[in-house]
Amino acid sequence: MGVSYQTGALVRTGEERATLVRRTYALVLVSVLVTIVGVSFALSQPAVLQAVSQHPFIAFLAALAPLVIAGRMKAAFPMNIGFVLLFNFAMGVMISPAIFFYGSQKPGLIGQAAVLTIGAFGILTLYAFVSRRDFSAWGGFLIVGLWVLVGTMFLNFFFQNAAVDLWLASVAVLLFSGLLLFDTWRLRNFYGPDEYVGAAVQIYLDLLNMFMAILRIMGNRRN
């Protein structure tokens, strides 16, 4: 799952780049914390948890609504931040059934998946910043791969094949790792200092999807 944003002026100075990176990762951190709040809220409300479990597609559309509204309104600061945080909270509610399911299997499973995700995130981010490699050619390939993955997951939703689900989760880890590298490279080279909101949403989605894929792999292997 990803959202495309147009980029503006190039980051031309070290100070602008530092400001952009600081703002982007601060918003990513806040987004993750708000998502955790959304998960906690849904887990504490059985009716909400059941509704999301029974209507996942409606929950998904509802979660995306704040981003769609913000894009159509061309929301400026601080309204754009508010919409992003509302989106983060809704995403937490949306993934809460999966967190409940895997957490009930073994309480430490979620923590282990989180540690692995943070470790992979740190390594990939560091590599994207220190590497001189040009990742621009990755964009088209990754977008096509993302659509193929989404389509295959949609089909498997009806067939419920555990082996295919494990394979798709493995592919998702690789795909979102590549997207994280690509989006971090774009953050370093193409985003302007005031475009941190779009950059943060991209990186947040890469991180969240990577975590969910790792959680599925670990959970399915335990089964």
N, C-alpha and C. Protein backbone atom coordinates (compact mmCIF):
# COMPACT_ATOMS: atom_id res chain seq x y z
N MET A 1 0.85 -1.18 0.00
CA MET A 1 0.00 0.00 0.00
C MET A 1 0.88 1.22 0.00
N GLY A 2 0.62 2.16 -0.88
CA GLY A 2 1.45 3.35 -0.96
C GLY A 2 0.66 4.51 -1.52
N VAL A 3 1.17 5.72 -1.33
CA VAL A 3 0.53 6.93 -1.80
C VAL A 3 1.56 7.75 -2.53
N SER A 4 1.22 8.25 -3.72
CA SER A 4 2.16 9.02 -4.52
C SER A 4 2.00 10.51 -4.24
N TYR A 5 3.13 11.19 -4.10
CA TYR A 5 3.15 12.63 -3.90
C TYR A 5 4.09 13.25 -4.92
N GLN A 6 3.72 14.40 -5.41
CA GLN A 6 4.59 15.13 -6.31
C GLN A 6 5.69 15.83 -5.51
N THR A 7 6.88 15.87 -6.09
CA THR A 7 7.98 16.56 -5.43
C THR A 7 8.17 17.93 -6.03
N GLY A 8 8.74 18.81 -5.26
CA GLY A 8 8.94 20.17 -5.70
C GLY A 8 10.39 20.49 -5.92
N ALA A 9 10.86 21.60 -5.35
CA ALA A 9 12.22 22.06 -5.56
C ALA A 9 13.22 21.11 -4.92
N LEU A 10 14.38 21.01 -5.54
CA LEU A 10 15.42 20.18 -4.98
C LEU A 10 15.94 20.76 -3.68
N VAL A 11 16.38 19.89 -2.78
CA VAL A 11 17.04 20.35 -1.57
C VAL A 11 18.46 20.74 -1.95
N ARG A 12 18.83 22.01 -1.79
CA ARG A 12 20.08 22.48 -2.35
C ARG A 12 21.16 22.74 -1.30
N THR A 13 20.81 22.86 -0.05
CA THR A 13 21.81 23.15 0.97
C THR A 13 21.76 22.10 2.07
N GLY A 14 22.88 22.00 2.79
CA GLY A 14 22.93 21.05 3.90
C GLY A 14 21.93 21.39 4.98
N GLU A 15 21.71 22.69 5.21
CA GLU A 15 20.76 23.10 6.25
C GLU A 15 19.34 22.72 5.86
N GLU A 16 18.98 22.93 4.59
CA GLU A 16 17.65 22.54 4.14
C GLU A 16 17.45 21.03 4.25
N ARG A 17 18.46 20.29 3.87
CA ARG A 17 18.37 18.83 3.94
C ARG A 17 18.22 18.37 5.38
N ALA A 18 18.99 18.98 6.29
CA ALA A 18 18.90 18.60 7.71
C ALA A 18 17.51 18.93 8.26
N THR A 19 16.95 20.06 7.88
CA THR A 19 15.61 20.44 8.32
C THR A 19 14.57 19.46 7.81
N LEU A 20 14.69 19.10 6.54
CA LEU A 20 13.75 18.15 5.95
C LEU A 20 13.81 16.80 6.65
N VAL A 21 15.02 16.28 6.86
CA VAL A 21 15.19 14.97 7.49
C VAL A 21 14.65 15.00 8.92
N ARG A 22 14.96 16.06 9.66
CA ARG A 22 14.50 16.16 11.04
C ARG A 22 12.98 16.20 11.11
N ARG A 23 12.36 17.01 10.28
CA ARG A 23 10.90 17.11 10.29
C ARG A 23 10.25 15.80 9.84
N THR A 24 10.82 15.18 8.81
CA THR A 24 10.23 13.95 8.28
C THR A 24 10.23 12.84 9.31
N TYR A 25 11.38 12.60 9.92
CA TYR A 25 11.45 11.47 10.85
C TYR A 25 10.77 11.77 12.19
N ALA A 26 10.67 13.04 12.53
CA ALA A 26 9.87 13.39 13.71
C ALA A 26 8.41 13.05 13.47
N LEU A 27 7.91 13.35 12.27
CA LEU A 27 6.52 13.04 11.94
C LEU A 27 6.31 11.54 11.81
N VAL A 28 7.29 10.82 11.28
CA VAL A 28 7.19 9.35 11.21
C VAL A 28 7.08 8.76 12.61
N LEU A 29 7.92 9.25 13.53
CA LEU A 29 7.87 8.76 14.91
C LEU A 29 6.51 9.03 15.55
N VAL A 30 6.01 10.25 15.39
CA VAL A 30 4.70 10.59 15.95
C VAL A 30 3.61 9.74 15.30
N SER A 31 3.74 9.49 14.00
CA SER A 31 2.76 8.66 13.28
C SER A 31 2.71 7.25 13.85
N VAL A 32 3.88 6.68 14.13
CA VAL A 32 3.93 5.34 14.71
C VAL A 32 3.27 5.33 16.09
N LEU A 33 3.56 6.35 16.90
CA LEU A 33 2.97 6.41 18.25
C LEU A 33 1.45 6.55 18.18
N VAL A 34 0.97 7.37 17.24
CA VAL A 34 -0.49 7.53 17.10
C VAL A 34 -1.12 6.23 16.61
N THR A 35 -0.43 5.49 15.75
CA THR A 35 -0.93 4.20 15.29
C THR A 35 -1.06 3.24 16.46
N ILE A 36 -0.08 3.25 17.36
CA ILE A 36 -0.13 2.40 18.55
C ILE A 36 -1.34 2.79 19.41
N VAL A 37 -1.60 4.08 19.51
CA VAL A 37 -2.79 4.53 20.25
C VAL A 37 -4.06 4.01 19.59
N GLY A 38 -4.10 4.04 18.25
CA GLY A 38 -5.27 3.52 17.54
C GLY A 38 -5.47 2.04 17.77
N VAL A 39 -4.38 1.27 17.77
CA VAL A 39 -4.46 -0.16 18.06
C VAL A 39 -4.99 -0.39 19.48
N SER A 40 -4.42 0.36 20.45
CA SER A 40 -4.83 0.20 21.84
C SER A 40 -6.30 0.54 22.02
N PHE A 41 -6.76 1.58 21.35
CA PHE A 41 -8.17 1.97 21.44
C PHE A 41 -9.06 0.85 20.92
N ALA A 42 -8.74 0.30 19.74
CA ALA A 42 -9.58 -0.74 19.16
C ALA A 42 -9.57 -2.01 20.01
N LEU A 43 -8.40 -2.35 20.58
CA LEU A 43 -8.33 -3.54 21.42
C LEU A 43 -9.13 -3.39 22.71
N SER A 44 -9.33 -2.16 23.13
CA SER A 44 -10.10 -1.91 24.36
C SER A 44 -11.60 -1.79 24.08
N GLN A 45 -11.97 -1.80 22.80
CA GLN A 45 -13.37 -1.67 22.42
C GLN A 45 -13.78 -2.90 21.59
N PRO A 46 -14.32 -3.93 22.22
CA PRO A 46 -14.67 -5.16 21.48
C PRO A 46 -15.60 -4.92 20.30
N ALA A 47 -16.51 -3.98 20.43
CA ALA A 47 -17.44 -3.71 19.33
C ALA A 47 -16.71 -3.17 18.11
N VAL A 48 -15.75 -2.27 18.35
CA VAL A 48 -14.96 -1.71 17.25
C VAL A 48 -14.10 -2.80 16.61
N LEU A 49 -13.48 -3.61 17.45
CA LEU A 49 -12.62 -4.70 16.96
C LEU A 49 -13.42 -5.67 16.10
N GLN A 50 -14.61 -6.01 16.54
CA GLN A 50 -15.46 -6.93 15.79
C GLN A 50 -15.91 -6.31 14.46
N ALA A 51 -16.26 -5.03 14.50
CA ALA A 51 -16.72 -4.36 13.27
C ALA A 51 -15.62 -4.31 12.22
N VAL A 52 -14.39 -4.01 12.65
CA VAL A 52 -13.26 -3.97 11.72
C VAL A 52 -12.97 -5.36 11.18
N SER A 53 -13.06 -6.38 12.02
CA SER A 53 -12.82 -7.76 11.60
C SER A 53 -13.84 -8.21 10.56
N GLN A 54 -15.09 -7.80 10.73
CA GLN A 54 -16.16 -8.24 9.84
C GLN A 54 -16.20 -7.45 8.54
N HIS A 55 -15.68 -6.22 8.56
CA HIS A 55 -15.75 -5.35 7.37
C HIS A 55 -14.38 -4.74 7.08
N PRO A 56 -13.38 -5.56 6.70
CA PRO A 56 -12.02 -5.05 6.51
C PRO A 56 -11.90 -4.05 5.37
N PHE A 57 -12.66 -4.24 4.28
CA PHE A 57 -12.56 -3.33 3.15
C PHE A 57 -13.14 -1.96 3.49
N ILE A 58 -14.24 -1.96 4.22
CA ILE A 58 -14.82 -0.68 4.66
C ILE A 58 -13.85 0.03 5.60
N ALA A 59 -13.22 -0.73 6.50
CA ALA A 59 -12.25 -0.15 7.41
C ALA A 59 -11.06 0.43 6.65
N PHE A 60 -10.63 -0.26 5.60
CA PHE A 60 -9.51 0.21 4.79
C PHE A 60 -9.86 1.53 4.10
N LEU A 61 -11.04 1.61 3.51
CA LEU A 61 -11.47 2.83 2.83
C LEU A 61 -11.63 3.98 3.83
N ALA A 62 -12.15 3.67 5.01
CA ALA A 62 -12.30 4.70 6.04
C ALA A 62 -10.95 5.21 6.50
N ALA A 63 -9.97 4.31 6.58
CA ALA A 63 -8.62 4.72 7.01
C ALA A 63 -7.98 5.64 5.98
N LEU A 64 -8.22 5.39 4.69
CA LEU A 64 -7.64 6.21 3.64
C LEU A 64 -8.34 7.56 3.47
N ALA A 65 -9.56 7.66 3.96
CA ALA A 65 -10.36 8.87 3.75
C ALA A 65 -9.64 10.16 4.17
N PRO A 66 -8.97 10.23 5.33
CA PRO A 66 -8.31 11.48 5.70
C PRO A 66 -7.26 11.94 4.69
N LEU A 67 -6.51 11.00 4.10
CA LEU A 67 -5.51 11.38 3.10
C LEU A 67 -6.17 11.88 1.83
N VAL A 68 -7.27 11.22 1.42
CA VAL A 68 -7.98 11.65 0.22
C VAL A 68 -8.56 13.05 0.41
N ILE A 69 -9.17 13.27 1.56
CA ILE A 69 -9.75 14.59 1.85
C ILE A 69 -8.67 15.66 1.89
N ALA A 70 -7.55 15.34 2.53
CA ALA A 70 -6.45 16.31 2.62
C ALA A 70 -5.92 16.65 1.24
N GLY A 71 -5.82 15.63 0.35
CA GLY A 71 -5.33 15.88 -1.00
C GLY A 71 -6.28 16.74 -1.80
N ARG A 72 -7.57 16.49 -1.68
CA ARG A 72 -8.55 17.28 -2.44
C ARG A 72 -8.64 18.71 -1.91
N MET A 73 -8.49 18.86 -0.61
CA MET A 73 -8.56 20.20 -0.02
C MET A 73 -7.24 20.95 -0.15
N LYS A 74 -6.18 20.23 -0.54
CA LYS A 74 -4.83 20.81 -0.56
C LYS A 74 -4.53 21.46 0.77
N ALA A 75 -4.77 20.67 1.82
CA ALA A 75 -4.66 21.18 3.19
C ALA A 75 -3.24 21.66 3.49
N ALA A 76 -3.15 22.81 4.14
CA ALA A 76 -1.86 23.39 4.54
C ALA A 76 -1.67 23.19 6.04
N PHE A 77 -0.46 23.47 6.50
CA PHE A 77 -0.14 23.35 7.92
C PHE A 77 -1.04 24.30 8.72
N PRO A 78 -1.58 23.87 9.88
CA PRO A 78 -1.39 22.57 10.54
C PRO A 78 -2.46 21.53 10.20
N MET A 79 -3.38 21.91 9.29
CA MET A 79 -4.47 21.00 8.97
C MET A 79 -3.94 19.71 8.33
N ASN A 80 -2.89 19.83 7.50
CA ASN A 80 -2.35 18.62 6.87
C ASN A 80 -1.79 17.64 7.90
N ILE A 81 -1.16 18.17 8.94
CA ILE A 81 -0.66 17.31 10.02
C ILE A 81 -1.82 16.62 10.72
N GLY A 82 -2.90 17.36 10.96
CA GLY A 82 -4.07 16.78 11.62
C GLY A 82 -4.66 15.64 10.82
N PHE A 83 -4.76 15.81 9.51
CA PHE A 83 -5.30 14.74 8.66
C PHE A 83 -4.38 13.52 8.68
N VAL A 84 -3.07 13.75 8.66
CA VAL A 84 -2.12 12.63 8.69
C VAL A 84 -2.26 11.86 10.01
N LEU A 85 -2.36 12.57 11.11
CA LEU A 85 -2.49 11.90 12.40
C LEU A 85 -3.82 11.15 12.52
N LEU A 86 -4.87 11.71 11.92
CA LEU A 86 -6.15 11.00 11.89
C LEU A 86 -6.02 9.72 11.06
N PHE A 87 -5.31 9.82 9.96
CA PHE A 87 -5.03 8.64 9.13
C PHE A 87 -4.23 7.60 9.92
N ASN A 88 -3.23 8.04 10.66
CA ASN A 88 -2.42 7.12 11.47
C ASN A 88 -3.27 6.40 12.51
N PHE A 89 -4.14 7.13 13.17
CA PHE A 89 -5.03 6.54 14.17
C PHE A 89 -5.95 5.50 13.52
N ALA A 90 -6.52 5.87 12.37
CA ALA A 90 -7.42 4.94 11.67
C ALA A 90 -6.68 3.69 11.20
N MET A 91 -5.42 3.85 10.80
CA MET A 91 -4.63 2.68 10.41
C MET A 91 -4.42 1.75 11.60
N GLY A 92 -4.20 2.34 12.78
CA GLY A 92 -4.07 1.53 13.98
C GLY A 92 -5.32 0.73 14.26
N VAL A 93 -6.47 1.37 14.10
CA VAL A 93 -7.74 0.66 14.29
C VAL A 93 -7.88 -0.44 13.25
N MET A 94 -7.47 -0.15 12.00
CA MET A 94 -7.64 -1.12 10.93
C MET A 94 -6.80 -2.39 11.14
N ILE A 95 -5.57 -2.23 11.64
CA ILE A 95 -4.70 -3.40 11.82
C ILE A 95 -4.91 -4.09 13.16
N SER A 96 -5.79 -3.55 14.00
CA SER A 96 -5.97 -4.11 15.34
C SER A 96 -6.42 -5.57 15.34
N PRO A 97 -7.30 -6.03 14.42
CA PRO A 97 -7.65 -7.46 14.44
C PRO A 97 -6.43 -8.37 14.23
N ALA A 98 -5.52 -7.97 13.33
CA ALA A 98 -4.32 -8.77 13.11
C ALA A 98 -3.43 -8.76 14.34
N ILE A 99 -3.31 -7.61 14.99
CA ILE A 99 -2.50 -7.52 16.22
C ILE A 99 -3.11 -8.40 17.31
N PHE A 100 -4.43 -8.37 17.42
CA PHE A 100 -5.10 -9.20 18.41
C PHE A 100 -4.89 -10.69 18.12
N PHE A 101 -5.00 -11.06 16.86
CA PHE A 101 -4.87 -12.47 16.47
C PHE A 101 -3.46 -12.99 16.76
N TYR A 102 -2.45 -12.28 16.28
CA TYR A 102 -1.08 -12.75 16.49
C TYR A 102 -0.65 -12.60 17.94
N GLY A 103 -1.13 -11.57 18.61
CA GLY A 103 -0.80 -11.39 20.01
C GLY A 103 -1.37 -12.47 20.90
N SER A 104 -2.55 -12.98 20.52
CA SER A 104 -3.16 -14.05 21.31
C SER A 104 -2.44 -15.38 21.13
N GLN A 105 -1.73 -15.54 20.00
CA GLN A 105 -0.96 -16.76 19.80
C GLN A 105 0.24 -16.82 20.74
N LYS A 106 0.99 -15.74 20.77
CA LYS A 106 2.13 -15.65 21.68
C LYS A 106 2.40 -14.16 21.92
N PRO A 107 2.32 -13.70 23.16
CA PRO A 107 2.46 -12.27 23.44
C PRO A 107 3.77 -11.66 22.93
N GLY A 108 4.86 -12.41 22.94
CA GLY A 108 6.13 -11.84 22.53
C GLY A 108 6.31 -11.72 21.04
N LEU A 109 5.37 -12.26 20.26
CA LEU A 109 5.51 -12.27 18.81
C LEU A 109 5.51 -10.86 18.23
N ILE A 110 4.64 -10.01 18.73
CA ILE A 110 4.54 -8.65 18.21
C ILE A 110 5.81 -7.86 18.52
N GLY A 111 6.33 -8.02 19.73
CA GLY A 111 7.56 -7.33 20.10
C GLY A 111 8.73 -7.78 19.25
N GLN A 112 8.81 -9.08 18.97
CA GLN A 112 9.89 -9.59 18.14
C GLN A 112 9.80 -9.04 16.72
N ALA A 113 8.58 -8.99 16.18
CA ALA A 113 8.40 -8.43 14.84
C ALA A 113 8.76 -6.95 14.81
N ALA A 114 8.42 -6.23 15.88
CA ALA A 114 8.74 -4.81 15.96
C ALA A 114 10.26 -4.59 16.00
N VAL A 115 10.97 -5.41 16.76
CA VAL A 115 12.43 -5.28 16.85
C VAL A 115 13.07 -5.55 15.49
N LEU A 116 12.62 -6.60 14.81
CA LEU A 116 13.16 -6.91 13.48
C LEU A 116 12.87 -5.78 12.50
N THR A 117 11.67 -5.22 12.58
CA THR A 117 11.31 -4.13 11.68
C THR A 117 12.16 -2.89 11.93
N ILE A 118 12.34 -2.54 13.19
CA ILE A 118 13.16 -1.37 13.52
C ILE A 118 14.61 -1.58 13.07
N GLY A 119 15.13 -2.81 13.27
CA GLY A 119 16.48 -3.10 12.84
C GLY A 119 16.64 -2.97 11.33
N ALA A 120 15.69 -3.56 10.58
CA ALA A 120 15.74 -3.47 9.12
C ALA A 120 15.58 -2.02 8.66
N PHE A 121 14.68 -1.28 9.32
CA PHE A 121 14.46 0.12 8.98
C PHE A 121 15.74 0.94 9.17
N GLY A 122 16.42 0.72 10.28
CA GLY A 122 17.65 1.46 10.55
C GLY A 122 18.74 1.15 9.54
N ILE A 123 18.91 -0.13 9.23
CA ILE A 123 19.97 -0.53 8.28
C ILE A 123 19.68 0.00 6.88
N LEU A 124 18.43 -0.15 6.42
CA LEU A 124 18.08 0.31 5.08
C LEU A 124 18.16 1.83 4.97
N THR A 125 17.72 2.54 6.01
CA THR A 125 17.79 4.00 5.99
C THR A 125 19.23 4.48 5.95
N LEU A 126 20.06 3.88 6.77
CA LEU A 126 21.48 4.25 6.79
C LEU A 126 22.12 4.00 5.43
N TYR A 127 21.82 2.85 4.84
CA TYR A 127 22.38 2.53 3.53
C TYR A 127 21.94 3.53 2.47
N ALA A 128 20.65 3.91 2.50
CA ALA A 128 20.13 4.85 1.51
C ALA A 128 20.80 6.22 1.64
N PHE A 129 21.18 6.61 2.86
CA PHE A 129 21.80 7.92 3.06
C PHE A 129 23.28 7.92 2.73
N VAL A 130 23.98 6.84 3.02
CA VAL A 130 25.43 6.83 2.81
C VAL A 130 25.81 6.31 1.43
N SER A 131 24.92 5.56 0.79
CA SER A 131 25.24 5.02 -0.52
C SER A 131 25.17 6.11 -1.59
N ARG A 132 26.06 6.03 -2.55
CA ARG A 132 26.04 6.95 -3.69
C ARG A 132 25.25 6.37 -4.86
N ARG A 133 24.61 5.26 -4.65
CA ARG A 133 23.88 4.58 -5.72
C ARG A 133 22.65 5.38 -6.11
N ASP A 134 22.33 5.37 -7.40
CA ASP A 134 21.15 6.03 -7.93
C ASP A 134 20.00 5.01 -7.96
N PHE A 135 18.98 5.26 -7.14
CA PHE A 135 17.84 4.34 -7.05
C PHE A 135 16.68 4.76 -7.93
N SER A 136 16.88 5.74 -8.80
CA SER A 136 15.76 6.27 -9.59
C SER A 136 15.13 5.21 -10.49
N ALA A 137 15.94 4.25 -10.97
CA ALA A 137 15.41 3.22 -11.87
C ALA A 137 14.51 2.23 -11.14
N TRP A 138 14.53 2.24 -9.82
CA TRP A 138 13.72 1.30 -9.05
C TRP A 138 12.24 1.65 -9.04
N GLY A 139 11.93 2.93 -9.26
CA GLY A 139 10.57 3.41 -9.06
C GLY A 139 9.51 2.63 -9.82
N GLY A 140 9.66 2.56 -11.15
CA GLY A 140 8.66 1.87 -11.97
C GLY A 140 8.53 0.40 -11.62
N PHE A 141 9.65 -0.26 -11.41
CA PHE A 141 9.64 -1.68 -11.07
C PHE A 141 8.90 -1.92 -9.75
N LEU A 142 9.17 -1.07 -8.76
CA LEU A 142 8.55 -1.25 -7.44
C LEU A 142 7.05 -0.98 -7.48
N ILE A 143 6.63 0.01 -8.25
CA ILE A 143 5.20 0.32 -8.35
C ILE A 143 4.45 -0.83 -9.02
N VAL A 144 5.02 -1.37 -10.10
CA VAL A 144 4.39 -2.51 -10.76
C VAL A 144 4.33 -3.70 -9.79
N GLY A 145 5.43 -3.95 -9.09
CA GLY A 145 5.44 -5.04 -8.12
C GLY A 145 4.41 -4.85 -7.03
N LEU A 146 4.21 -3.59 -6.61
CA LEU A 146 3.22 -3.31 -5.57
C LEU A 146 1.81 -3.65 -6.04
N TRP A 147 1.48 -3.26 -7.27
CA TRP A 147 0.15 -3.55 -7.80
C TRP A 147 -0.07 -5.05 -7.98
N VAL A 148 0.97 -5.75 -8.43
CA VAL A 148 0.86 -7.21 -8.57
C VAL A 148 0.65 -7.84 -7.21
N LEU A 149 1.38 -7.37 -6.21
CA LEU A 149 1.22 -7.91 -4.86
C LEU A 149 -0.18 -7.66 -4.32
N VAL A 150 -0.69 -6.45 -4.49
CA VAL A 150 -2.03 -6.12 -4.01
C VAL A 150 -3.08 -7.00 -4.69
N GLY A 151 -2.95 -7.17 -6.01
CA GLY A 151 -3.91 -8.00 -6.74
C GLY A 151 -3.88 -9.45 -6.29
N THR A 152 -2.68 -9.98 -6.08
CA THR A 152 -2.55 -11.38 -5.64
C THR A 152 -3.08 -11.56 -4.23
N MET A 153 -2.82 -10.59 -3.36
CA MET A 153 -3.35 -10.66 -1.99
C MET A 153 -4.87 -10.61 -2.00
N PHE A 154 -5.43 -9.81 -2.89
CA PHE A 154 -6.89 -9.71 -2.98
C PHE A 154 -7.49 -11.06 -3.39
N LEU A 155 -6.86 -11.73 -4.35
CA LEU A 155 -7.34 -13.05 -4.76
C LEU A 155 -7.20 -14.07 -3.64
N ASN A 156 -6.07 -14.02 -2.94
CA ASN A 156 -5.84 -14.98 -1.87
C ASN A 156 -6.76 -14.74 -0.68
N PHE A 157 -7.32 -13.53 -0.59
CA PHE A 157 -8.29 -13.24 0.48
C PHE A 157 -9.49 -14.18 0.38
N PHE A 158 -9.85 -14.58 -0.84
CA PHE A 158 -11.00 -15.46 -1.05
C PHE A 158 -10.61 -16.94 -0.94
N PHE A 159 -9.37 -17.28 -1.36
CA PHE A 159 -8.95 -18.68 -1.34
C PHE A 159 -8.38 -19.10 0.01
N GLN A 160 -7.79 -18.13 0.76
CA GLN A 160 -7.27 -18.40 2.10
C GLN A 160 -6.26 -19.55 2.09
N ASN A 161 -5.28 -19.47 1.21
CA ASN A 161 -4.22 -20.48 1.14
C ASN A 161 -3.06 -20.04 2.02
N ALA A 162 -2.75 -20.82 3.06
CA ALA A 162 -1.73 -20.43 4.03
C ALA A 162 -0.34 -20.38 3.40
N ALA A 163 -0.05 -21.32 2.50
CA ALA A 163 1.27 -21.34 1.86
C ALA A 163 1.45 -20.12 0.97
N VAL A 164 0.42 -19.76 0.23
CA VAL A 164 0.48 -18.56 -0.62
C VAL A 164 0.60 -17.31 0.24
N ASP A 165 -0.11 -17.28 1.36
CA ASP A 165 -0.05 -16.13 2.26
C ASP A 165 1.37 -15.93 2.80
N LEU A 166 2.04 -17.01 3.15
CA LEU A 166 3.41 -16.93 3.63
C LEU A 166 4.34 -16.43 2.53
N TRP A 167 4.14 -16.92 1.33
CA TRP A 167 4.94 -16.49 0.19
C TRP A 167 4.72 -15.00 -0.10
N LEU A 168 3.46 -14.57 -0.05
CA LEU A 168 3.15 -13.16 -0.31
C LEU A 168 3.75 -12.26 0.77
N ALA A 169 3.74 -12.71 2.02
CA ALA A 169 4.33 -11.92 3.09
C ALA A 169 5.84 -11.78 2.89
N SER A 170 6.49 -12.83 2.42
CA SER A 170 7.92 -12.78 2.15
C SER A 170 8.23 -11.80 1.03
N VAL A 171 7.40 -11.85 -0.03
CA VAL A 171 7.57 -10.91 -1.14
C VAL A 171 7.33 -9.48 -0.66
N ALA A 172 6.35 -9.29 0.23
CA ALA A 172 6.03 -7.96 0.74
C ALA A 172 7.21 -7.37 1.52
N VAL A 173 7.90 -8.20 2.30
CA VAL A 173 9.06 -7.70 3.04
C VAL A 173 10.11 -7.17 2.07
N LEU A 174 10.39 -7.93 1.02
CA LEU A 174 11.38 -7.51 0.03
C LEU A 174 10.91 -6.26 -0.72
N LEU A 175 9.64 -6.23 -1.09
CA LEU A 175 9.11 -5.11 -1.85
C LEU A 175 9.13 -3.81 -1.04
N PHE A 176 8.68 -3.87 0.20
CA PHE A 176 8.64 -2.65 1.00
C PHE A 176 10.02 -2.25 1.50
N SER A 177 10.94 -3.20 1.57
CA SER A 177 12.34 -2.83 1.83
C SER A 177 12.88 -2.02 0.66
N GLY A 178 12.57 -2.46 -0.56
CA GLY A 178 12.98 -1.70 -1.73
C GLY A 178 12.31 -0.34 -1.78
N LEU A 179 11.02 -0.27 -1.45
CA LEU A 179 10.32 1.02 -1.43
C LEU A 179 10.90 1.96 -0.38
N LEU A 180 11.30 1.39 0.76
CA LEU A 180 11.92 2.21 1.79
C LEU A 180 13.24 2.81 1.30
N LEU A 181 14.05 2.00 0.63
CA LEU A 181 15.28 2.52 0.05
C LEU A 181 14.98 3.62 -0.96
N PHE A 182 14.01 3.37 -1.84
CA PHE A 182 13.66 4.32 -2.89
C PHE A 182 13.12 5.62 -2.31
N ASP A 183 12.21 5.52 -1.34
CA ASP A 183 11.62 6.71 -0.75
C ASP A 183 12.63 7.50 0.08
N THR A 184 13.55 6.80 0.75
CA THR A 184 14.60 7.49 1.49
C THR A 184 15.56 8.19 0.54
N TRP A 185 15.85 7.56 -0.57
CA TRP A 185 16.68 8.19 -1.60
C TRP A 185 16.01 9.45 -2.13
N ARG A 186 14.71 9.38 -2.37
CA ARG A 186 13.97 10.57 -2.81
C ARG A 186 13.98 11.65 -1.74
N LEU A 187 13.88 11.26 -0.48
CA LEU A 187 13.95 12.23 0.61
C LEU A 187 15.28 12.96 0.58
N ARG A 188 16.34 12.24 0.32
CA ARG A 188 17.67 12.83 0.32
C ARG A 188 17.91 13.72 -0.90
N ASN A 189 17.27 13.40 -2.02
CA ASN A 189 17.64 14.05 -3.28
C ASN A 189 16.57 14.93 -3.92
N PHE A 190 15.29 14.68 -3.64
CA PHE A 190 14.27 15.35 -4.44
C PHE A 190 13.24 16.16 -3.65
N TYR A 191 13.03 15.87 -2.40
CA TYR A 191 12.03 16.62 -1.65
C TYR A 191 12.58 17.96 -1.20
N GLY A 192 11.70 18.97 -1.20
CA GLY A 192 12.06 20.26 -0.65
C GLY A 192 11.85 20.28 0.85
N PRO A 193 12.39 21.30 1.56
CA PRO A 193 12.33 21.33 3.02
C PRO A 193 10.91 21.43 3.58
N ASP A 194 9.95 21.87 2.77
CA ASP A 194 8.57 22.00 3.24
C ASP A 194 7.69 20.83 2.82
N GLU A 195 8.29 19.80 2.23
CA GLU A 195 7.52 18.66 1.74
C GLU A 195 7.68 17.44 2.62
N TYR A 196 7.92 17.70 3.90
CA TYR A 196 8.17 16.60 4.83
C TYR A 196 6.93 15.76 5.11
N VAL A 197 5.75 16.33 4.95
CA VAL A 197 4.52 15.58 5.26
C VAL A 197 4.36 14.42 4.27
N GLY A 198 4.48 14.72 2.98
CA GLY A 198 4.38 13.66 1.99
C GLY A 198 5.47 12.62 2.14
N ALA A 199 6.69 13.07 2.42
CA ALA A 199 7.81 12.14 2.62
C ALA A 199 7.56 11.25 3.83
N ALA A 200 7.04 11.83 4.91
CA ALA A 200 6.79 11.07 6.13
C ALA A 200 5.70 10.02 5.91
N VAL A 201 4.66 10.36 5.15
CA VAL A 201 3.59 9.40 4.88
C VAL A 201 4.13 8.21 4.09
N GLN A 202 4.96 8.50 3.10
CA GLN A 202 5.54 7.41 2.30
C GLN A 202 6.37 6.48 3.17
N ILE A 203 7.26 7.03 3.97
CA ILE A 203 8.14 6.21 4.80
C ILE A 203 7.35 5.47 5.87
N TYR A 204 6.34 6.13 6.44
CA TYR A 204 5.48 5.49 7.43
C TYR A 204 4.78 4.26 6.84
N LEU A 205 4.26 4.38 5.62
CA LEU A 205 3.57 3.26 4.98
C LEU A 205 4.54 2.12 4.68
N ASP A 206 5.75 2.46 4.24
CA ASP A 206 6.77 1.42 4.03
C ASP A 206 7.05 0.67 5.33
N LEU A 207 7.22 1.43 6.40
CA LEU A 207 7.54 0.84 7.70
C LEU A 207 6.39 -0.02 8.22
N LEU A 208 5.17 0.50 8.13
CA LEU A 208 4.00 -0.23 8.64
C LEU A 208 3.78 -1.53 7.87
N ASN A 209 3.86 -1.45 6.55
CA ASN A 209 3.65 -2.65 5.74
C ASN A 209 4.76 -3.67 5.94
N MET A 210 5.98 -3.21 6.15
CA MET A 210 7.08 -4.13 6.44
C MET A 210 6.83 -4.85 7.76
N PHE A 211 6.39 -4.10 8.77
CA PHE A 211 6.10 -4.70 10.07
C PHE A 211 5.00 -5.75 9.96
N MET A 212 3.92 -5.43 9.25
CA MET A 212 2.81 -6.37 9.14
C MET A 212 3.23 -7.62 8.38
N ALA A 213 4.08 -7.47 7.36
CA ALA A 213 4.55 -8.63 6.60
C ALA A 213 5.44 -9.52 7.46
N ILE A 214 6.34 -8.91 8.22
CA ILE A 214 7.21 -9.68 9.12
C ILE A 214 6.37 -10.40 10.17
N LEU A 215 5.35 -9.73 10.69
CA LEU A 215 4.48 -10.35 11.68
C LEU A 215 3.75 -11.56 11.09
N ARG A 216 3.28 -11.43 9.86
CA ARG A 216 2.60 -12.56 9.20
C ARG A 216 3.55 -13.73 8.99
N ILE A 217 4.78 -13.45 8.59
CA ILE A 217 5.75 -14.52 8.38
C ILE A 217 6.02 -15.27 9.69
N MET A 218 6.28 -14.52 10.75
CA MET A 218 6.59 -15.15 12.03
C MET A 218 5.38 -15.90 12.57
N GLY A 219 4.20 -15.34 12.43
CA GLY A 219 2.99 -15.99 12.92
C GLY A 219 2.66 -17.25 12.15
N ASN A 220 2.80 -17.20 10.82
CA ASN A 220 2.48 -18.37 10.00
C ASN A 220 3.49 -19.49 10.22
N ARG A 221 4.74 -19.13 10.43
CA ARG A 221 5.75 -20.16 10.69
C ARG A 221 5.51 -20.85 12.03
N ARG A 222 5.04 -20.09 13.01
CA ARG A 222 4.73 -20.71 14.30
C ARG A 222 3.54 -21.67 14.16
N ASN A 223 2.59 -21.29 13.32
CA ASN A 223 1.44 -22.18 13.09
C ASN A 223 1.88 -23.48 12.42
